[in-house]
Amino acid sequence: MITIPILLLLALYFSVKAYNTIIRKRNQVENALAGTDAILKKRYDLIPNLVSAVKQYMTYEEATLSKITSLRTSLLEQNSNVSERLEKENQLSSLLGKVLVAVENYPDLKSNTNMLHLQQSLMEIEEQISAARRSYNASVMDYNNSIEAFPANIIAGFMGAKRKPSFEINTVERETVSVKDLFDAK
């Protein structure tokens, strides 16, 4: 008779512990995403300055600059879900990389002090974004593991806890970059 209440107390203890762990890990994911958003906001604020500085020199890259501006605007609206935002962020990172490579074709722009400062700022922010994405992905992995491992998965099912998406790069960005092609693209 004494063992039944003890078993019930143990089950209650482990259920509460699993519930609190899941809540803590979900909050870590949200915090990591908020930290990433703060760094992305810095990049969004920098983009208009970069586009303005580059625009006068890069007439044939106008479509790329327009696409960057459009993506920036759609990301600021925040009407999309996390997966859509992650995809748009990847597209924006890719386009910004292309702009920085294209700047090499413009000696006057390349040597412009403001442009050099903007380039350096953008590179620093991209490094911070990369670190924030790694932090976010680590939090997501920890959270996803916690809601899928037994016996916490039972509690997670009752809570309606769902897997969170990770930041992933697209297939093109996984390919090896040919530096020769970048220098020959004049």
Protein backbone atom coordinates (compact mmCIF):
# COMPACT_ATOMS: atom_id res chain seq x y z
CA MET A 1 0.00 0.00 0.00
CA ILE A 2 2.80 2.41 0.74
CA THR A 3 4.45 1.70 -2.62
CA ILE A 4 1.49 2.98 -4.67
CA PRO A 5 1.59 6.52 -3.22
CA ILE A 6 5.38 6.51 -3.56
CA LEU A 7 5.10 5.48 -7.22
CA LEU A 8 2.48 8.16 -7.80
CA LEU A 9 4.70 10.79 -6.16
CA LEU A 10 7.66 9.68 -8.29
CA ALA A 11 5.55 9.83 -11.44
CA LEU A 12 4.31 13.29 -10.47
CA TYR A 13 7.87 14.43 -9.69
CA PHE A 14 9.24 13.26 -13.05
CA SER A 15 6.25 14.71 -14.90
CA VAL A 16 6.74 18.13 -13.31
CA LYS A 17 10.49 17.94 -13.92
CA ALA A 18 9.94 17.03 -17.61
CA TYR A 19 7.34 19.79 -18.00
CA ASN A 20 9.64 22.42 -16.49
CA THR A 21 12.58 21.24 -18.60
CA ILE A 22 10.53 21.52 -21.79
CA ILE A 23 9.34 25.01 -20.82
CA ARG A 24 12.91 26.10 -20.04
CA LYS A 25 14.23 24.77 -23.35
CA ARG A 26 11.36 26.32 -25.33
CA ASN A 27 12.16 29.66 -23.70
CA GLN A 28 15.84 29.21 -24.63
CA VAL A 29 14.82 28.75 -28.27
CA GLU A 30 12.68 31.89 -28.15
CA ASN A 31 15.51 33.82 -26.47
CA ALA A 32 18.02 32.64 -29.10
CA LEU A 33 15.62 33.66 -31.87
CA ALA A 34 15.13 37.07 -30.25
CA GLY A 35 18.92 37.50 -30.02
CA THR A 36 19.21 36.61 -33.69
CA ASP A 37 16.46 39.11 -34.50
CA ALA A 38 18.37 41.86 -32.68
CA ILE A 39 21.46 41.26 -34.83
CA LEU A 40 19.35 40.97 -37.98
CA LYS A 41 17.80 44.34 -37.12
CA LYS A 42 21.30 45.85 -37.15
CA ARG A 43 21.80 44.40 -40.62
CA TYR A 44 18.43 45.75 -41.79
CA ASP A 45 19.44 49.20 -40.58
CA LEU A 46 22.77 48.95 -42.41
CA ILE A 47 21.31 47.75 -45.73
CA PRO A 48 19.82 51.10 -46.86
CA ASN A 49 23.21 52.76 -46.31
CA LEU A 50 24.98 50.02 -48.24
CA VAL A 51 22.48 50.11 -51.09
CA SER A 52 22.69 53.90 -51.28
CA ALA A 53 26.49 53.89 -51.34
CA VAL A 54 26.67 51.18 -53.98
CA LYS A 55 23.73 52.20 -56.17
CA GLN A 56 25.44 55.00 -58.06
CA TYR A 57 28.26 52.71 -59.14
CA MET A 58 26.33 49.53 -59.83
CA THR A 59 23.77 50.26 -62.50
CA TYR A 60 23.71 46.75 -63.94
CA GLU A 61 23.27 45.20 -60.47
CA GLU A 62 20.08 47.21 -59.96
CA ALA A 63 17.96 44.04 -59.92
CA THR A 64 20.05 42.59 -57.08
CA LEU A 65 19.80 45.79 -55.08
CA SER A 66 16.03 45.89 -55.64
CA LYS A 67 15.73 42.28 -54.49
CA ILE A 68 17.74 43.09 -51.32
CA THR A 69 15.47 46.04 -50.56
CA SER A 70 12.37 43.94 -51.20
CA LEU A 71 13.57 41.10 -48.96
CA ARG A 72 14.49 43.56 -46.22
CA THR A 73 11.02 45.10 -46.37
CA SER A 74 9.25 41.73 -46.30
CA LEU A 75 11.33 40.63 -43.32
CA LEU A 76 10.48 43.79 -41.40
CA GLU A 77 6.76 43.07 -41.82
CA GLN A 78 7.12 39.90 -39.67
CA ASN A 79 3.91 38.35 -41.05
CA SER A 80 5.64 35.13 -42.01
CA ASN A 81 6.24 32.06 -39.88
CA VAL A 82 9.69 31.09 -38.61
CA SER A 83 10.43 28.75 -41.53
CA GLU A 84 9.60 31.44 -44.11
CA ARG A 85 11.70 33.99 -42.22
CA LEU A 86 14.66 31.60 -42.10
CA GLU A 87 14.44 31.07 -45.86
CA LYS A 88 14.24 34.83 -46.53
CA GLU A 89 17.23 35.44 -44.23
CA ASN A 90 19.24 32.90 -46.21
CA GLN A 91 18.29 34.60 -49.48
CA LEU A 92 19.27 37.99 -48.08
CA SER A 93 22.66 36.71 -46.88
CA SER A 94 23.33 35.25 -50.30
CA LEU A 95 22.43 38.47 -52.12
CA LEU A 96 24.54 40.61 -49.78
CA GLY A 97 27.50 38.33 -50.47
CA LYS A 98 27.01 38.87 -54.21
CA VAL A 99 26.97 42.64 -53.74
CA LEU A 100 30.23 42.55 -51.80
CA VAL A 101 31.85 40.46 -54.53
CA ALA A 102 30.50 42.80 -57.23
CA VAL A 103 31.98 45.81 -55.42
CA GLU A 104 35.39 44.47 -56.46
CA ASN A 105 34.56 45.56 -60.04
CA TYR A 106 34.34 49.22 -59.02
CA PRO A 107 37.75 50.67 -58.02
CA ASP A 108 36.33 54.05 -57.00
CA LEU A 109 33.70 52.44 -54.80
CA LYS A 110 36.15 49.90 -53.43
CA SER A 111 38.47 52.67 -52.21
CA ASN A 112 35.69 54.90 -50.86
CA THR A 113 36.08 55.27 -47.09
CA ASN A 114 32.34 55.11 -46.42
CA MET A 115 32.03 51.97 -48.53
CA LEU A 116 34.96 50.34 -46.76
CA HIS A 117 33.35 51.13 -43.41
CA LEU A 118 29.99 49.77 -44.56
CA GLN A 119 31.65 46.63 -45.91
CA GLN A 120 33.50 46.05 -42.65
CA SER A 121 30.32 46.66 -40.63
CA LEU A 122 28.36 44.27 -42.80
CA MET A 123 31.02 41.60 -42.50
CA GLU A 124 31.05 41.96 -38.71
CA ILE A 125 27.27 41.74 -38.56
CA GLU A 126 27.27 38.67 -40.82
CA GLU A 127 29.74 37.01 -38.42
CA GLN A 128 27.48 37.90 -35.49
CA ILE A 129 24.48 36.51 -37.38
CA SER A 130 26.39 33.30 -38.02
CA ALA A 131 27.18 32.97 -34.31
CA ALA A 132 23.56 33.75 -33.37
CA ARG A 133 22.32 31.13 -35.84
CA ARG A 134 24.64 28.55 -34.30
CA SER A 135 23.31 29.46 -30.86
CA TYR A 136 19.72 29.26 -32.10
CA ASN A 137 20.35 25.89 -33.77
CA ALA A 138 21.94 24.52 -30.58
CA SER A 139 18.91 25.66 -28.58
CA VAL A 140 16.55 24.14 -31.15
CA MET A 141 18.42 20.84 -31.10
CA ASP A 142 18.33 20.76 -27.31
CA TYR A 143 14.61 21.57 -27.29
CA ASN A 144 13.75 19.07 -30.03
CA ASN A 145 15.73 16.36 -28.23
CA SER A 146 13.92 17.10 -24.99
CA ILE A 147 10.44 16.82 -26.51
CA GLU A 148 11.26 13.62 -28.39
CA ALA A 149 13.11 11.68 -25.67
CA PHE A 150 11.20 9.27 -23.44
CA PRO A 151 9.49 9.89 -21.02
CA ALA A 152 9.42 13.67 -21.62
CA ASN A 153 7.82 13.05 -25.02
CA ILE A 154 4.63 11.99 -23.24
CA ILE A 155 4.49 15.30 -21.34
CA ALA A 156 5.43 17.17 -24.53
CA GLY A 157 2.50 15.49 -26.31
CA PHE A 158 0.11 16.70 -23.62
CA MET A 159 1.59 20.19 -23.88
CA GLY A 160 1.25 20.22 -27.67
CA ALA A 161 4.98 20.88 -28.01
CA LYS A 162 6.12 20.72 -31.65
CA ARG A 163 9.56 20.55 -33.25
CA LYS A 164 11.17 23.91 -33.98
CA PRO A 165 12.89 24.55 -37.33
CA SER A 166 16.63 25.15 -37.57
CA PHE A 167 18.44 27.70 -39.71
CA GLU A 168 19.58 25.88 -42.83
CA ILE A 169 21.40 27.12 -45.88
CA ASN A 170 20.23 26.40 -49.39
CA THR A 171 21.95 23.90 -51.67
CA VAL A 172 23.78 26.53 -53.75
CA GLU A 173 25.51 27.94 -50.67
CA ARG A 174 26.80 24.46 -49.77
CA GLU A 175 28.81 24.26 -52.97
CA THR A 176 32.50 25.16 -53.02
CA VAL A 177 33.08 28.73 -54.15
CA SER A 178 35.40 29.10 -57.12
CA VAL A 179 37.59 32.11 -56.40
CA LYS A 180 38.86 32.00 -59.98
CA ASP A 181 35.31 32.46 -61.28
CA LEU A 182 34.80 35.43 -58.95
CA PHE A 183 37.88 37.20 -60.31
CA ASP A 184 37.06 36.31 -63.92
CA ALA A 185 33.49 37.71 -63.63
CA LYS A 186 34.27 41.16 -65.02
